[in-house]
N, C-alpha and C. Protein backbone atom coordinates (compact mmCIF):
# COMPACT_ATOMS: atom_id res chain seq x y z
N MET A 1 2.18 -12.77 5.42
CA MET A 1 2.25 -12.49 6.83
C MET A 1 1.91 -11.01 7.04
N LYS A 2 0.96 -10.73 7.88
CA LYS A 2 0.59 -9.35 8.19
C LYS A 2 1.38 -8.87 9.38
N ARG A 3 1.85 -7.65 9.25
CA ARG A 3 2.58 -7.04 10.35
C ARG A 3 1.88 -5.74 10.69
N ALA A 4 1.59 -5.49 11.95
CA ALA A 4 0.94 -4.26 12.38
C ALA A 4 2.00 -3.21 12.66
N VAL A 5 1.81 -2.02 12.10
CA VAL A 5 2.70 -0.88 12.36
C VAL A 5 1.86 0.37 12.55
N SER A 6 2.38 1.27 13.34
CA SER A 6 1.67 2.54 13.54
C SER A 6 1.81 3.38 12.27
N ALA A 7 0.92 4.33 12.11
CA ALA A 7 0.97 5.22 10.95
C ALA A 7 2.28 6.00 10.94
N ALA A 8 2.73 6.42 12.10
CA ALA A 8 3.99 7.18 12.19
C ALA A 8 5.16 6.31 11.75
N GLU A 9 5.20 5.06 12.22
CA GLU A 9 6.28 4.16 11.84
C GLU A 9 6.24 3.85 10.34
N ALA A 10 5.04 3.61 9.81
CA ALA A 10 4.90 3.34 8.37
C ALA A 10 5.37 4.55 7.57
N ASN A 11 5.08 5.75 8.04
CA ASN A 11 5.50 6.96 7.36
C ASN A 11 7.03 7.09 7.36
N ARG A 12 7.64 6.83 8.51
CA ARG A 12 9.10 6.94 8.63
C ARG A 12 9.82 5.90 7.77
N ASN A 13 9.21 4.73 7.63
CA ASN A 13 9.87 3.61 6.93
C ASN A 13 9.11 3.21 5.67
N PHE A 14 8.52 4.17 4.98
CA PHE A 14 7.65 3.85 3.85
C PHE A 14 8.36 3.06 2.75
N SER A 15 9.60 3.41 2.45
CA SER A 15 10.35 2.68 1.43
C SER A 15 10.51 1.21 1.81
N LYS A 16 10.81 0.95 3.08
CA LYS A 16 10.96 -0.43 3.55
C LYS A 16 9.62 -1.17 3.48
N VAL A 17 8.54 -0.48 3.88
CA VAL A 17 7.21 -1.07 3.82
C VAL A 17 6.88 -1.48 2.38
N LEU A 18 7.12 -0.59 1.43
CA LEU A 18 6.85 -0.91 0.02
C LEU A 18 7.72 -2.06 -0.47
N HIS A 19 8.97 -2.07 -0.06
CA HIS A 19 9.87 -3.16 -0.46
C HIS A 19 9.33 -4.49 0.06
N ASP A 20 8.94 -4.52 1.32
CA ASP A 20 8.40 -5.75 1.91
C ASP A 20 7.12 -6.20 1.21
N VAL A 21 6.27 -5.25 0.86
CA VAL A 21 5.01 -5.58 0.18
C VAL A 21 5.31 -6.14 -1.21
N ARG A 22 6.29 -5.56 -1.91
CA ARG A 22 6.69 -6.10 -3.22
C ARG A 22 7.14 -7.55 -3.11
N GLN A 23 7.71 -7.90 -1.97
CA GLN A 23 8.19 -9.26 -1.75
C GLN A 23 7.09 -10.20 -1.25
N GLY A 24 5.86 -9.68 -1.16
CA GLY A 24 4.73 -10.51 -0.77
C GLY A 24 4.21 -10.28 0.64
N GLY A 25 4.83 -9.40 1.38
CA GLY A 25 4.39 -9.10 2.74
C GLY A 25 3.15 -8.23 2.73
N SER A 26 2.56 -8.04 3.89
CA SER A 26 1.42 -7.16 4.03
C SER A 26 1.47 -6.50 5.40
N TYR A 27 0.85 -5.34 5.49
CA TYR A 27 0.87 -4.55 6.71
C TYR A 27 -0.54 -4.11 7.08
N VAL A 28 -0.77 -4.02 8.38
CA VAL A 28 -1.95 -3.38 8.91
C VAL A 28 -1.46 -2.10 9.57
N ILE A 29 -1.98 -0.98 9.11
CA ILE A 29 -1.57 0.31 9.65
C ILE A 29 -2.54 0.69 10.76
N THR A 30 -1.99 1.08 11.89
CA THR A 30 -2.81 1.44 13.04
C THR A 30 -2.67 2.93 13.36
N SER A 31 -3.71 3.46 13.95
CA SER A 31 -3.69 4.82 14.45
C SER A 31 -4.27 4.78 15.86
N HIS A 32 -3.48 5.22 16.80
CA HIS A 32 -3.87 5.15 18.22
C HIS A 32 -4.26 3.72 18.61
N GLY A 33 -3.52 2.76 18.07
CA GLY A 33 -3.72 1.36 18.43
C GLY A 33 -4.86 0.65 17.71
N LYS A 34 -5.57 1.36 16.84
CA LYS A 34 -6.70 0.75 16.12
C LYS A 34 -6.37 0.60 14.64
N PRO A 35 -6.69 -0.55 14.05
CA PRO A 35 -6.41 -0.74 12.62
C PRO A 35 -7.23 0.23 11.76
N VAL A 36 -6.55 0.85 10.79
CA VAL A 36 -7.24 1.79 9.90
C VAL A 36 -7.03 1.48 8.42
N ALA A 37 -5.99 0.69 8.09
CA ALA A 37 -5.72 0.42 6.67
C ALA A 37 -4.89 -0.85 6.54
N LYS A 38 -4.94 -1.42 5.33
CA LYS A 38 -4.09 -2.56 4.98
C LYS A 38 -3.26 -2.16 3.77
N ILE A 39 -2.03 -2.59 3.75
CA ILE A 39 -1.21 -2.46 2.55
C ILE A 39 -0.86 -3.88 2.14
N ILE A 40 -1.34 -4.27 0.96
CA ILE A 40 -1.13 -5.62 0.45
C ILE A 40 -0.59 -5.54 -0.96
N PRO A 41 0.07 -6.61 -1.43
CA PRO A 41 0.55 -6.60 -2.81
C PRO A 41 -0.62 -6.44 -3.79
N PHE A 42 -0.42 -5.62 -4.79
CA PHE A 42 -1.45 -5.38 -5.78
C PHE A 42 -1.83 -6.66 -6.50
N ALA A 43 -0.88 -7.50 -6.80
CA ALA A 43 -1.13 -8.74 -7.53
C ALA A 43 -2.07 -9.67 -6.78
N SER A 44 -2.08 -9.63 -5.44
CA SER A 44 -2.95 -10.54 -4.71
C SER A 44 -4.42 -10.25 -4.98
N ARG A 45 -4.77 -8.98 -5.18
CA ARG A 45 -6.14 -8.64 -5.55
C ARG A 45 -6.45 -9.16 -6.95
N ASP A 46 -5.48 -9.05 -7.85
CA ASP A 46 -5.67 -9.55 -9.20
C ASP A 46 -5.90 -11.06 -9.19
N ALA A 47 -5.18 -11.77 -8.35
CA ALA A 47 -5.31 -13.22 -8.28
C ALA A 47 -6.72 -13.61 -7.84
N VAL A 48 -7.28 -12.88 -6.91
CA VAL A 48 -8.64 -13.16 -6.45
C VAL A 48 -9.64 -12.90 -7.58
N ALA A 49 -9.46 -11.79 -8.28
CA ALA A 49 -10.37 -11.46 -9.39
C ALA A 49 -10.27 -12.50 -10.50
N VAL A 50 -9.07 -12.94 -10.82
CA VAL A 50 -8.89 -13.95 -11.87
C VAL A 50 -9.54 -15.26 -11.46
N ALA A 51 -9.37 -15.66 -10.22
CA ALA A 51 -9.97 -16.91 -9.74
C ALA A 51 -11.50 -16.82 -9.77
N ALA A 52 -12.05 -15.67 -9.37
CA ALA A 52 -13.50 -15.51 -9.40
C ALA A 52 -14.03 -15.55 -10.82
N LYS A 53 -13.32 -14.91 -11.73
CA LYS A 53 -13.74 -14.91 -13.14
C LYS A 53 -13.71 -16.32 -13.71
N GLU A 54 -12.66 -17.07 -13.44
CA GLU A 54 -12.55 -18.44 -13.93
C GLU A 54 -13.66 -19.32 -13.35
N ALA A 55 -13.99 -19.15 -12.08
CA ALA A 55 -15.06 -19.93 -11.47
C ALA A 55 -16.40 -19.62 -12.12
N LEU A 56 -16.65 -18.34 -12.39
CA LEU A 56 -17.89 -17.94 -13.05
C LEU A 56 -17.97 -18.51 -14.46
N LEU A 57 -16.89 -18.40 -15.22
CA LEU A 57 -16.89 -18.93 -16.59
C LEU A 57 -17.07 -20.44 -16.61
N ALA A 58 -16.45 -21.14 -15.68
CA ALA A 58 -16.62 -22.60 -15.60
C ALA A 58 -18.07 -22.95 -15.31
N ARG A 59 -18.69 -22.21 -14.41
CA ARG A 59 -20.10 -22.45 -14.07
C ARG A 59 -21.00 -22.19 -15.28
N LEU A 60 -20.73 -21.11 -16.00
CA LEU A 60 -21.54 -20.79 -17.17
C LEU A 60 -21.35 -21.83 -18.28
N ARG A 61 -20.13 -22.31 -18.47
CA ARG A 61 -19.88 -23.35 -19.48
C ARG A 61 -20.61 -24.65 -19.15
N ALA A 62 -20.77 -24.93 -17.86
CA ALA A 62 -21.42 -26.18 -17.43
C ALA A 62 -22.94 -26.12 -17.59
N GLN A 63 -23.51 -24.94 -17.68
CA GLN A 63 -24.97 -24.82 -17.81
C GLN A 63 -25.41 -25.14 -19.23
N ARG A 64 -26.55 -25.75 -19.33
CA ARG A 64 -27.12 -26.05 -20.64
C ARG A 64 -27.83 -24.82 -21.18
N GLY A 65 -27.72 -24.65 -22.49
CA GLY A 65 -28.41 -23.54 -23.14
C GLY A 65 -29.88 -23.86 -23.30
N VAL A 66 -30.69 -22.82 -23.36
CA VAL A 66 -32.13 -22.97 -23.54
C VAL A 66 -32.55 -22.19 -24.78
N VAL A 67 -33.27 -22.87 -25.69
CA VAL A 67 -33.77 -22.20 -26.87
C VAL A 67 -35.15 -21.65 -26.54
N VAL A 68 -35.28 -20.34 -26.63
CA VAL A 68 -36.56 -19.72 -26.29
C VAL A 68 -37.30 -19.22 -27.51
N GLY A 69 -36.68 -19.29 -28.65
CA GLY A 69 -37.34 -18.84 -29.86
C GLY A 69 -37.27 -17.33 -30.01
N ARG A 70 -38.01 -16.83 -30.98
CA ARG A 70 -38.01 -15.40 -31.25
C ARG A 70 -39.13 -14.71 -30.47
N TRP A 71 -38.95 -13.46 -30.20
CA TRP A 71 -39.99 -12.68 -29.54
C TRP A 71 -40.01 -11.28 -30.12
N THR A 72 -41.12 -10.62 -29.93
CA THR A 72 -41.25 -9.24 -30.40
C THR A 72 -40.84 -8.30 -29.28
N ARG A 73 -40.65 -7.06 -29.63
CA ARG A 73 -40.30 -6.06 -28.64
C ARG A 73 -41.41 -5.95 -27.59
N ASP A 74 -42.67 -6.00 -28.00
CA ASP A 74 -43.77 -5.91 -27.06
C ASP A 74 -43.76 -7.08 -26.08
N GLU A 75 -43.47 -8.28 -26.57
CA GLU A 75 -43.41 -9.44 -25.69
C GLU A 75 -42.23 -9.33 -24.71
N LEU A 76 -41.17 -8.77 -25.18
CA LEU A 76 -39.98 -8.62 -24.33
C LEU A 76 -40.27 -7.73 -23.13
N TYR A 77 -41.04 -6.66 -23.35
CA TYR A 77 -41.31 -5.71 -22.27
C TYR A 77 -42.64 -5.95 -21.58
N GLU A 78 -43.30 -7.05 -21.91
CA GLU A 78 -44.58 -7.38 -21.29
C GLU A 78 -44.36 -7.76 -19.83
N VAL A 79 -45.23 -7.27 -18.97
CA VAL A 79 -45.07 -7.55 -17.54
C VAL A 79 -45.98 -8.65 -17.10
């Protein structure tokens, strides 16, 4: 759940903000009524990265390998 707070309020209650984020909450910090930052649990970014990595690895495992044989350095850099 995202909660919007002003920068001044977040500054005054920073310990509470961090406690809430540790518990899974998230905040949108505003300045003059406009959003300027998000505070989210660090683990949630890790979860996205892990899921993306697993999806990529699954896709690569599903692809068939291709045997291309040997090549020389000149052939490798041939345009």
